[in-house]
């Protein structure tokens, strides 16, 4: 793996500690490297710096990583996440270890892990929009009014259900540890290209959802008279009118993350972060059972 020399740091501008850590990293690893810093809110102004970057480091929670990933994915720039949030499923380093550990990644020692993205296109009563990408999830949900909506859900041309409730979330494998998990959905292997459909607060909320293969197409149509909202990754919003359809596919776009641990360690980290088990498990004994 190559080492990294043109590096951008995207940090949460609302956390003073994130900015302080960004400056510490640039000061510590300044030799023979070019750095630039941006908050997640002014990242869109850094297209020239992004074009020359070979690594993006994000400092904050999952929201900061998602914004960094959207900017990096189209340019095939890998991402290293430093966690200052509570859970941090997408990050690889805790903030307290970052100054000591980042050098190992900069020297090109890490493996690269691909996380696949969804593409959502709106069509219907207005001209078709350009695709909206999502690393975590695409949600079609009720708008500001506290009224239920009806969302017709069609998979590969076959009507799956018409959900009456707060909406529907379509999640990537990466997003299966986010909103979908909070709704009671399953956790998927993060490198999987499959994706998940799950209703939100409907009479079928106990339905675990449907896991779809990577070639599938999901069509979500707002059938009730109330307007709805299309949201991608928690920060991209579009208003949907009744009768409009959101067509979602796994189009082959992906974000790349630097990882230190073997891929299988994801499941151990999941158990720790969600407090699913206590203490250690004897791996040799487990293999004999």
C-alpha atoms as a PDB file:
ATOM      1  CA  UNK A   1       0.000   0.000   0.000  1.00  0.00           C
ATOM      2  CA  UNK A   2       1.270   3.503  -0.775  1.00  0.00           C
ATOM      3  CA  UNK A   3       1.917   6.049   1.922  1.00  0.00           C
ATOM      4  CA  UNK A   4      -0.193   9.210   2.053  1.00  0.00           C
ATOM      5  CA  UNK A   5       1.177  12.719   1.569  1.00  0.00           C
ATOM      6  CA  UNK A   6      -1.701  15.010   0.504  1.00  0.00           C
ATOM      7  CA  UNK A   7      -4.189  14.784   3.322  1.00  0.00           C
ATOM      8  CA  UNK A   8      -7.382  16.587   4.196  1.00  0.00           C
ATOM      9  CA  UNK A   9      -8.945  16.641   7.651  1.00  0.00           C
ATOM     10  CA  UNK A  10     -12.705  17.127   7.924  1.00  0.00           C
ATOM     11  CA  UNK A  11     -13.715  17.852  11.516  1.00  0.00           C
ATOM     12  CA  UNK A  12     -16.940  18.584  13.326  1.00  0.00           C
ATOM     13  CA  UNK A  13     -17.024  22.366  13.574  1.00  0.00           C
ATOM     14  CA  UNK A  14     -19.321  22.254  16.590  1.00  0.00           C
ATOM     15  CA  UNK A  15     -16.750  20.381  18.683  1.00  0.00           C
ATOM     16  CA  UNK A  16     -13.790  22.494  19.762  1.00  0.00           C
ATOM     17  CA  UNK A  17     -11.887  19.335  20.674  1.00  0.00           C
ATOM     18  CA  UNK A  18     -12.189  18.084  17.092  1.00  0.00           C
ATOM     19  CA  UNK A  19     -10.518  21.218  15.754  1.00  0.00           C
ATOM     20  CA  UNK A  20      -7.801  21.003  18.382  1.00  0.00           C
ATOM     21  CA  UNK A  21      -7.084  17.387  17.465  1.00  0.00           C
ATOM     22  CA  UNK A  22      -6.943  18.293  13.763  1.00  0.00           C
ATOM     23  CA  UNK A  23      -4.238  20.866  14.493  1.00  0.00           C
ATOM     24  CA  UNK A  24      -2.285  18.406  16.650  1.00  0.00           C
ATOM     25  CA  UNK A  25      -2.252  15.879  13.821  1.00  0.00           C
ATOM     26  CA  UNK A  26      -0.989  18.384  11.252  1.00  0.00           C
ATOM     27  CA  UNK A  27       1.737  19.566  13.617  1.00  0.00           C
ATOM     28  CA  UNK A  28       2.811  16.040  14.536  1.00  0.00           C
ATOM     29  CA  UNK A  29       2.947  14.679  10.988  1.00  0.00           C
ATOM     30  CA  UNK A  30       3.860  17.784   9.002  1.00  0.00           C
ATOM     31  CA  UNK A  31       7.185  16.489   7.606  1.00  0.00           C
ATOM     32  CA  UNK A  32       6.995  15.839   3.840  1.00  0.00           C
ATOM     33  CA  UNK A  33       3.189  16.044   3.907  1.00  0.00           C
ATOM     34  CA  UNK A  34       0.679  18.617   2.719  1.00  0.00           C
ATOM     35  CA  UNK A  35      -2.396  19.169   4.885  1.00  0.00           C
ATOM     36  CA  UNK A  36      -5.663  21.085   4.606  1.00  0.00           C
ATOM     37  CA  UNK A  37      -8.464  21.424   7.157  1.00  0.00           C
ATOM     38  CA  UNK A  38     -12.207  21.966   6.763  1.00  0.00           C
ATOM     39  CA  UNK A  39     -15.311  21.648   8.893  1.00  0.00           C
ATOM     40  CA  UNK A  40     -18.094  19.438   7.625  1.00  0.00           C
ATOM     41  CA  UNK A  41     -20.173  22.537   6.799  1.00  0.00           C
ATOM     42  CA  UNK A  42     -17.567  24.198   4.539  1.00  0.00           C
ATOM     43  CA  UNK A  43     -16.273  21.022   2.881  1.00  0.00           C
ATOM     44  CA  UNK A  44     -18.161  21.892  -0.313  1.00  0.00           C
ATOM     45  CA  UNK A  45     -15.815  24.858  -0.777  1.00  0.00           C
ATOM     46  CA  UNK A  46     -12.712  22.658  -0.962  1.00  0.00           C
ATOM     47  CA  UNK A  47     -13.056  21.051  -4.387  1.00  0.00           C
ATOM     48  CA  UNK A  48      -9.543  22.115  -5.466  1.00  0.00           C
ATOM     49  CA  UNK A  49      -7.939  20.606  -2.361  1.00  0.00           C
ATOM     50  CA  UNK A  50     -10.017  17.448  -2.704  1.00  0.00           C
ATOM     51  CA  UNK A  51      -8.844  16.947  -6.264  1.00  0.00           C
ATOM     52  CA  UNK A  52      -5.218  16.736  -5.085  1.00  0.00           C
ATOM     53  CA  UNK A  53      -5.837  14.638  -1.939  1.00  0.00           C
ATOM     54  CA  UNK A  54      -4.903  10.991  -1.464  1.00  0.00           C
ATOM     55  CA  UNK A  55      -6.498  10.599   2.001  1.00  0.00           C
ATOM     56  CA  UNK A  56      -9.326  12.166   4.012  1.00  0.00           C
ATOM     57  CA  UNK A  57      -9.273  11.953   7.821  1.00  0.00           C
ATOM     58  CA  UNK A  58     -12.564  12.707   9.553  1.00  0.00           C
ATOM     59  CA  UNK A  59     -12.774  13.735  13.209  1.00  0.00           C
ATOM     60  CA  UNK A  60     -16.193  13.588  14.827  1.00  0.00           C
ATOM     61  CA  UNK A  61     -19.106  11.168  14.800  1.00  0.00           C
ATOM     62  CA  UNK A  62     -20.766   9.197  12.029  1.00  0.00           C
ATOM     63  CA  UNK A  63     -22.313  12.370  10.594  1.00  0.00           C
ATOM     64  CA  UNK A  64     -18.861  13.806   9.944  1.00  0.00           C
ATOM     65  CA  UNK A  65     -17.720  10.551   8.332  1.00  0.00           C
ATOM     66  CA  UNK A  66     -20.780  10.506   6.073  1.00  0.00           C
ATOM     67  CA  UNK A  67     -20.082  14.021   4.809  1.00  0.00           C
ATOM     68  CA  UNK A  68     -16.450  13.161   4.227  1.00  0.00           C
ATOM     69  CA  UNK A  69     -17.423   9.951   2.452  1.00  0.00           C
ATOM     70  CA  UNK A  70     -19.744  11.764   0.040  1.00  0.00           C
ATOM     71  CA  UNK A  71     -16.919  14.108  -0.931  1.00  0.00           C
ATOM     72  CA  UNK A  72     -14.299  11.364  -1.179  1.00  0.00           C
ATOM     73  CA  UNK A  73     -16.211   8.552  -2.896  1.00  0.00           C
ATOM     74  CA  UNK A  74     -16.577  10.209  -6.300  1.00  0.00           C
ATOM     75  CA  UNK A  75     -12.836  10.926  -6.290  1.00  0.00           C
ATOM     76  CA  UNK A  76     -11.816   7.442  -5.075  1.00  0.00           C
ATOM     77  CA  UNK A  77     -10.097   8.882  -1.991  1.00  0.00           C
ATOM     78  CA  UNK A  78      -9.871   6.577   1.063  1.00  0.00           C
ATOM     79  CA  UNK A  79     -11.176   7.716   4.444  1.00  0.00           C
ATOM     80  CA  UNK A  80      -9.812   7.256   7.951  1.00  0.00           C
ATOM     81  CA  UNK A  81     -12.377   7.905  10.656  1.00  0.00           C
ATOM     82  CA  UNK A  82     -11.394   9.221  14.099  1.00  0.00           C
ATOM     83  CA  UNK A  83     -14.266   8.779  16.533  1.00  0.00           C
ATOM     84  CA  UNK A  84     -15.383  11.528  18.887  1.00  0.00           C
ATOM     85  CA  UNK A  85     -18.965  10.284  18.996  1.00  0.00           C
ATOM     86  CA  UNK A  86     -20.667   7.690  21.136  1.00  0.00           C
ATOM     87  CA  UNK A  87     -20.605   4.532  19.006  1.00  0.00           C
ATOM     88  CA  UNK A  88     -18.647   5.148  15.823  1.00  0.00           C
ATOM     89  CA  UNK A  89     -19.274   2.039  13.733  1.00  0.00           C
ATOM     90  CA  UNK A  90     -17.529   3.516  10.685  1.00  0.00           C
ATOM     91  CA  UNK A  91     -14.474   4.947  12.466  1.00  0.00           C
ATOM     92  CA  UNK A  92     -11.217   3.076  13.028  1.00  0.00           C
ATOM     93  CA  UNK A  93      -9.461   5.131  15.737  1.00  0.00           C
ATOM     94  CA  UNK A  94     -10.657   6.604  19.025  1.00  0.00           C
ATOM     95  CA  UNK A  95      -9.787  10.271  19.488  1.00  0.00           C
ATOM     96  CA  UNK A  96      -7.618   9.576  22.541  1.00  0.00           C
ATOM     97  CA  UNK A  97      -5.332   7.335  20.445  1.00  0.00           C
ATOM     98  CA  UNK A  98      -5.259   9.372  17.246  1.00  0.00           C
ATOM     99  CA  UNK A  99      -2.001  11.318  17.684  1.00  0.00           C
ATOM    100  CA  UNK A 100      -0.070   8.110  18.398  1.00  0.00           C
ATOM    101  CA  UNK A 101      -1.815   5.855  15.879  1.00  0.00           C
ATOM    102  CA  UNK A 102      -2.362   7.955  12.752  1.00  0.00           C
ATOM    103  CA  UNK A 103       1.265   7.586  11.630  1.00  0.00           C
ATOM    104  CA  UNK A 104       0.800   3.845  11.132  1.00  0.00           C
ATOM    105  CA  UNK A 105      -1.973   4.534   8.613  1.00  0.00           C
ATOM    106  CA  UNK A 106      -0.069   7.338   6.865  1.00  0.00           C
ATOM    107  CA  UNK A 107       2.774   4.929   6.122  1.00  0.00           C
ATOM    108  CA  UNK A 108       0.395   2.742   4.094  1.00  0.00           C
ATOM    109  CA  UNK A 109       0.064  -0.206   6.486  1.00  0.00           C
ATOM    110  CA  UNK A 110      -3.745  -0.430   6.558  1.00  0.00           C
ATOM    111  CA  UNK A 111      -6.010  -2.538   4.386  1.00  0.00           C
ATOM    112  CA  UNK A 112      -8.740  -0.836   2.348  1.00  0.00           C
ATOM    113  CA  UNK A 113     -12.372  -1.803   2.880  1.00  0.00           C
ATOM    114  CA  UNK A 114     -15.070  -0.974   0.308  1.00  0.00           C
ATOM    115  CA  UNK A 115     -18.503   0.095   1.526  1.00  0.00           C
ATOM    116  CA  UNK A 116     -21.132   0.164  -1.211  1.00  0.00           C
ATOM    117  CA  UNK A 117     -23.622   2.986  -1.698  1.00  0.00           C
ATOM    118  CA  UNK A 118     -27.216   3.338  -2.860  1.00  0.00           C
ATOM    119  CA  UNK A 119     -28.459   5.530  -5.689  1.00  0.00           C
ATOM    120  CA  UNK A 120     -31.928   7.121  -5.422  1.00  0.00           C
ATOM    121  CA  UNK A 121     -33.733   8.853  -8.313  1.00  0.00           C
ATOM    122  CA  UNK A 122     -37.040  10.747  -7.991  1.00  0.00           C
ATOM    123  CA  UNK A 123     -39.559  10.649 -10.829  1.00  0.00           C
ATOM    124  CA  UNK A 124     -43.273  11.358 -11.200  1.00  0.00           C
ATOM    125  CA  UNK A 125     -45.064  14.676 -11.245  1.00  0.00           C
ATOM    126  CA  UNK A 126     -41.920  16.633 -12.079  1.00  0.00           C
ATOM    127  CA  UNK A 127     -38.867  16.043 -14.240  1.00  0.00           C
ATOM    128  CA  UNK A 128     -36.523  13.301 -13.105  1.00  0.00           C
ATOM    129  CA  UNK A 129     -33.791  14.405 -10.719  1.00  0.00           C
ATOM    130  CA  UNK A 130     -30.146  13.423 -10.869  1.00  0.00           C
ATOM    131  CA  UNK A 131     -29.267  10.472  -8.598  1.00  0.00           C
ATOM    132  CA  UNK A 132     -28.823  11.036  -4.870  1.00  0.00           C
ATOM    133  CA  UNK A 133     -26.171   8.798  -3.307  1.00  0.00           C
ATOM    134  CA  UNK A 134     -26.294   7.327   0.199  1.00  0.00           C
ATOM    135  CA  UNK A 135     -23.711   5.385   2.169  1.00  0.00           C
ATOM    136  CA  UNK A 136     -26.031   4.637   5.107  1.00  0.00           C
ATOM    137  CA  UNK A 137     -29.652   4.802   4.016  1.00  0.00           C
ATOM    138  CA  UNK A 138     -32.395   6.385   1.961  1.00  0.00           C
ATOM    139  CA  UNK A 139     -35.606   7.203   3.816  1.00  0.00           C
ATOM    140  CA  UNK A 140     -39.025   8.142   2.488  1.00  0.00           C
ATOM    141  CA  UNK A 141     -40.895   9.493   5.503  1.00  0.00           C
ATOM    142  CA  UNK A 142     -43.702  11.824   6.489  1.00  0.00           C
ATOM    143  CA  UNK A 143     -43.056  15.550   6.369  1.00  0.00           C
ATOM    144  CA  UNK A 144     -43.562  18.166   9.065  1.00  0.00           C
ATOM    145  CA  UNK A 145     -47.230  17.298   9.626  1.00  0.00           C
ATOM    146  CA  UNK A 146     -47.906  14.585  12.182  1.00  0.00           C
ATOM    147  CA  UNK A 147     -49.898  12.395   9.829  1.00  0.00           C
ATOM    148  CA  UNK A 148     -49.255   8.910   8.507  1.00  0.00           C
ATOM    149  CA  UNK A 149     -48.304   8.385   4.892  1.00  0.00           C
ATOM    150  CA  UNK A 150     -48.763   5.414   2.590  1.00  0.00           C
ATOM    151  CA  UNK A 151     -45.712   4.165   0.728  1.00  0.00           C
ATOM    152  CA  UNK A 152     -46.125   1.538  -1.964  1.00  0.00           C
ATOM    153  CA  UNK A 153     -43.021  -0.671  -2.016  1.00  0.00           C
ATOM    154  CA  UNK A 154     -42.189  -2.563  -5.194  1.00  0.00           C
ATOM    155  CA  UNK A 155     -39.169  -4.886  -5.471  1.00  0.00           C
ATOM    156  CA  UNK A 156     -37.994  -5.918  -8.942  1.00  0.00           C
ATOM    157  CA  UNK A 157     -41.412  -5.137 -10.366  1.00  0.00           C
ATOM    158  CA  UNK A 158     -43.326  -7.112  -7.704  1.00  0.00           C
ATOM    159  CA  UNK A 159     -45.469  -5.303  -5.130  1.00  0.00           C
ATOM    160  CA  UNK A 160     -44.087  -6.175  -1.676  1.00  0.00           C
ATOM    161  CA  UNK A 161     -46.357  -4.058   0.530  1.00  0.00           C
ATOM    162  CA  UNK A 162     -48.034  -0.697   0.990  1.00  0.00           C
ATOM    163  CA  UNK A 163     -46.813   0.540   4.347  1.00  0.00           C
ATOM    164  CA  UNK A 164     -49.055   2.925   6.246  1.00  0.00           C
ATOM    165  CA  UNK A 165     -47.113   4.717   8.971  1.00  0.00           C
ATOM    166  CA  UNK A 166     -44.129   7.066   9.199  1.00  0.00           C
ATOM    167  CA  UNK A 167     -42.390   5.764   6.091  1.00  0.00           C
ATOM    168  CA  UNK A 168     -39.805   3.291   4.801  1.00  0.00           C
ATOM    169  CA  UNK A 169     -36.040   3.103   5.144  1.00  0.00           C
ATOM    170  CA  UNK A 170     -33.802   1.405   2.587  1.00  0.00           C
ATOM    171  CA  UNK A 171     -30.431   0.689   4.150  1.00  0.00           C
ATOM    172  CA  UNK A 172     -27.018  -0.392   2.908  1.00  0.00           C
ATOM    173  CA  UNK A 173     -24.977  -2.959   4.808  1.00  0.00           C
ATOM    174  CA  UNK A 174     -23.099  -0.030   6.362  1.00  0.00           C
ATOM    175  CA  UNK A 175     -26.370   1.607   7.391  1.00  0.00           C
ATOM    176  CA  UNK A 176     -27.661  -1.603   8.964  1.00  0.00           C
ATOM    177  CA  UNK A 177     -25.983  -0.463  12.210  1.00  0.00           C
ATOM    178  CA  UNK A 178     -27.775   2.904  12.055  1.00  0.00           C
ATOM    179  CA  UNK A 179     -31.446   3.827  11.689  1.00  0.00           C
ATOM    180  CA  UNK A 180     -32.375   0.339  10.508  1.00  0.00           C
ATOM    181  CA  UNK A 181     -30.920  -1.223  13.665  1.00  0.00           C
ATOM    182  CA  UNK A 182     -32.903   1.229  15.817  1.00  0.00           C
ATOM    183  CA  UNK A 183     -36.028  -0.009  14.024  1.00  0.00           C
ATOM    184  CA  UNK A 184     -35.239  -3.617  14.922  1.00  0.00           C
ATOM    185  CA  UNK A 185     -33.592  -4.594  11.649  1.00  0.00           C
ATOM    186  CA  UNK A 186     -30.695  -7.065  11.322  1.00  0.00           C
ATOM    187  CA  UNK A 187     -26.998  -6.172  11.173  1.00  0.00           C
ATOM    188  CA  UNK A 188     -25.363  -7.112   7.876  1.00  0.00           C
ATOM    189  CA  UNK A 189     -21.742  -7.783   7.023  1.00  0.00           C
ATOM    190  CA  UNK A 190     -20.462  -4.266   6.272  1.00  0.00           C
ATOM    191  CA  UNK A 191     -18.803  -5.252   2.990  1.00  0.00           C
ATOM    192  CA  UNK A 192     -21.954  -6.857   1.578  1.00  0.00           C
ATOM    193  CA  UNK A 193     -23.507  -5.332  -1.534  1.00  0.00           C
ATOM    194  CA  UNK A 194     -26.981  -6.471  -0.455  1.00  0.00           C
ATOM    195  CA  UNK A 195     -29.384  -3.958   1.069  1.00  0.00           C
ATOM    196  CA  UNK A 196     -32.402  -3.862   3.358  1.00  0.00           C
ATOM    197  CA  UNK A 197     -35.976  -2.521   3.275  1.00  0.00           C
ATOM    198  CA  UNK A 198     -37.637  -1.761   6.638  1.00  0.00           C
ATOM    199  CA  UNK A 199     -40.927   0.032   7.471  1.00  0.00           C
ATOM    200  CA  UNK A 200     -40.973   2.870  10.015  1.00  0.00           C
ATOM    201  CA  UNK A 201     -43.636   2.969  12.743  1.00  0.00           C
ATOM    202  CA  UNK A 202     -46.289   1.110  10.784  1.00  0.00           C
ATOM    203  CA  UNK A 203     -48.673  -1.681  11.773  1.00  0.00           C
ATOM    204  CA  UNK A 204     -46.011  -3.959  10.229  1.00  0.00           C
ATOM    205  CA  UNK A 205     -43.123  -2.519  12.255  1.00  0.00           C
ATOM    206  CA  UNK A 206     -42.405  -5.902  13.801  1.00  0.00           C
ATOM    207  CA  UNK A 207     -41.700  -7.219  10.302  1.00  0.00           C
ATOM    208  CA  UNK A 208     -37.935  -7.656  10.303  1.00  0.00           C
ATOM    209  CA  UNK A 209     -37.567  -6.275   6.824  1.00  0.00           C
ATOM    210  CA  UNK A 210     -36.442  -7.720   3.511  1.00  0.00           C
ATOM    211  CA  UNK A 211     -32.780  -8.202   2.564  1.00  0.00           C
ATOM    212  CA  UNK A 212     -32.348  -7.750  -1.180  1.00  0.00           C
ATOM    213  CA  UNK A 213     -29.571  -8.839  -3.498  1.00  0.00           C
ATOM    214  CA  UNK A 214     -27.302  -6.235  -5.072  1.00  0.00           C
ATOM    215  CA  UNK A 215     -29.033  -6.397  -8.463  1.00  0.00           C
ATOM    216  CA  UNK A 216     -32.479  -5.556  -7.043  1.00  0.00           C
ATOM    217  CA  UNK A 217     -34.440  -2.364  -7.678  1.00  0.00           C
ATOM    218  CA  UNK A 218     -36.770  -0.847  -5.069  1.00  0.00           C
ATOM    219  CA  UNK A 219     -39.506   1.616  -6.007  1.00  0.00           C
ATOM    220  CA  UNK A 220     -41.099   3.653  -3.200  1.00  0.00           C
ATOM    221  CA  UNK A 221     -44.201   5.607  -4.243  1.00  0.00           C
ATOM    222  CA  UNK A 222     -45.967   8.101  -1.965  1.00  0.00           C
ATOM    223  CA  UNK A 223     -49.647   7.235  -2.318  1.00  0.00           C
ATOM    224  CA  UNK A 224     -51.316   9.327   0.420  1.00  0.00           C
ATOM    225  CA  UNK A 225     -52.314  12.932  -0.168  1.00  0.00           C
ATOM    226  CA  UNK A 226     -49.781  14.325   2.280  1.00  0.00           C
ATOM    227  CA  UNK A 227     -46.310  15.359   1.108  1.00  0.00           C
ATOM    228  CA  UNK A 228     -43.319  13.382   2.278  1.00  0.00           C
ATOM    229  CA  UNK A 229     -39.539  13.790   2.519  1.00  0.00           C
ATOM    230  CA  UNK A 230     -36.714  11.929   0.853  1.00  0.00           C
ATOM    231  CA  UNK A 231     -33.663  11.876   3.121  1.00  0.00           C
ATOM    232  CA  UNK A 232     -30.245  10.436   2.312  1.00  0.00           C
ATOM    233  CA  UNK A 233     -27.697   9.814   5.067  1.00  0.00           C
ATOM    234  CA  UNK A 234     -29.407  12.198   7.469  1.00  0.00           C
ATOM    235  CA  UNK A 235     -28.336  15.430   5.763  1.00  0.00           C
ATOM    236  CA  UNK A 236     -29.647  15.427   2.192  1.00  0.00           C
ATOM    237  CA  UNK A 237     -33.372  16.290   1.965  1.00  0.00           C
ATOM    238  CA  UNK A 238     -35.863  16.596  -0.884  1.00  0.00           C
ATOM    239  CA  UNK A 239     -39.604  17.176  -0.660  1.00  0.00           C
ATOM    240  CA  UNK A 240     -41.742  14.486  -2.299  1.00  0.00           C
ATOM    241  CA  UNK A 241     -45.214  15.086  -3.666  1.00  0.00           C
ATOM    242  CA  UNK A 242     -47.954  12.479  -3.583  1.00  0.00           C
ATOM    243  CA  UNK A 243     -47.595  10.215  -6.599  1.00  0.00           C
ATOM    244  CA  UNK A 244     -43.833  10.619  -6.943  1.00  0.00           C
ATOM    245  CA  UNK A 245     -41.634   7.523  -6.978  1.00  0.00           C
ATOM    246  CA  UNK A 246     -38.135   7.038  -5.569  1.00  0.00           C
ATOM    247  CA  UNK A 247     -36.232   4.341  -7.458  1.00  0.00           C
ATOM    248  CA  UNK A 248     -33.351   2.894  -5.435  1.00  0.00           C
ATOM    249  CA  UNK A 249     -30.559   0.686  -6.714  1.00  0.00           C
ATOM    250  CA  UNK A 250     -27.116  -0.398  -5.606  1.00  0.00           C
ATOM    251  CA  UNK A 251     -25.343   1.168  -8.512  1.00  0.00           C
ATOM    252  CA  UNK A 252     -21.737   0.170  -7.850  1.00  0.00           C
ATOM    253  CA  UNK A 253     -20.581   3.395  -6.159  1.00  0.00           C
ATOM    254  CA  UNK A 254     -18.548   2.862  -3.009  1.00  0.00           C
ATOM    255  CA  UNK A 255     -16.562   4.595  -0.280  1.00  0.00           C
ATOM    256  CA  UNK A 256     -13.171   3.229   0.802  1.00  0.00           C
ATOM    257  CA  UNK A 257     -12.109   3.080   4.455  1.00  0.00           C
ATOM    258  CA  UNK A 258      -8.705   2.355   5.966  1.00  0.00           C
ATOM    259  CA  UNK A 259      -8.795  -0.524   8.461  1.00  0.00           C
ATOM    260  CA  UNK A 260      -6.247  -1.910  10.908  1.00  0.00           C
ATOM    261  CA  UNK A 261      -8.055  -4.994  12.218  1.00  0.00           C
ATOM    262  CA  UNK A 262      -9.061  -8.087  10.218  1.00  0.00           C
ATOM    263  CA  UNK A 263     -12.528  -7.883   8.671  1.00  0.00           C
ATOM    264  CA  UNK A 264     -13.952 -10.503  11.065  1.00  0.00           C
ATOM    265  CA  UNK A 265     -13.241  -8.233  14.043  1.00  0.00           C
ATOM    266  CA  UNK A 266     -16.262  -6.170  13.024  1.00  0.00           C
ATOM    267  CA  UNK A 267     -18.466  -8.647  14.899  1.00  0.00           C
ATOM    268  CA  UNK A 268     -16.442  -8.411  18.089  1.00  0.00           C
ATOM    269  CA  UNK A 269     -16.511  -4.624  17.917  1.00  0.00           C
ATOM    270  CA  UNK A 270     -20.273  -4.782  17.339  1.00  0.00           C
ATOM    271  CA  UNK A 271     -20.722  -6.851  20.504  1.00  0.00           C
ATOM    272  CA  UNK A 272     -18.615  -4.422  22.516  1.00  0.00           C
ATOM    273  CA  UNK A 273     -20.280  -1.266  21.246  1.00  0.00           C
ATOM    274  CA  UNK A 274     -23.794  -2.591  21.713  1.00  0.00           C
ATOM    275  CA  UNK A 275     -22.873  -4.303  25.014  1.00  0.00           C
ATOM    276  CA  UNK A 276     -24.169  -7.634  23.737  1.00  0.00           C
ATOM    277  CA  UNK A 277     -21.732  -9.634  25.840  1.00  0.00           C
ATOM    278  CA  UNK A 278     -19.507  -9.185  28.864  1.00  0.00           C
ATOM    279  CA  UNK A 279     -16.065 -10.591  29.426  1.00  0.00           C
ATOM    280  CA  UNK A 280     -13.943 -12.464  26.897  1.00  0.00           C
ATOM    281  CA  UNK A 281     -14.721 -15.606  24.963  1.00  0.00           C
ATOM    282  CA  UNK A 282     -12.154 -18.389  24.681  1.00  0.00           C
ATOM    283  CA  UNK A 283     -11.803 -18.662  20.905  1.00  0.00           C
ATOM    284  CA  UNK A 284     -10.137 -22.097  20.943  1.00  0.00           C
ATOM    285  CA  UNK A 285     -12.942 -23.516  23.038  1.00  0.00           C
ATOM    286  CA  UNK A 286     -15.548 -21.910  20.787  1.00  0.00           C
ATOM    287  CA  UNK A 287     -14.072 -23.648  17.738  1.00  0.00           C
ATOM    288  CA  UNK A 288     -14.363 -27.075  19.394  1.00  0.00           C
ATOM    289  CA  UNK A 289     -18.090 -26.701  20.123  1.00  0.00           C
END
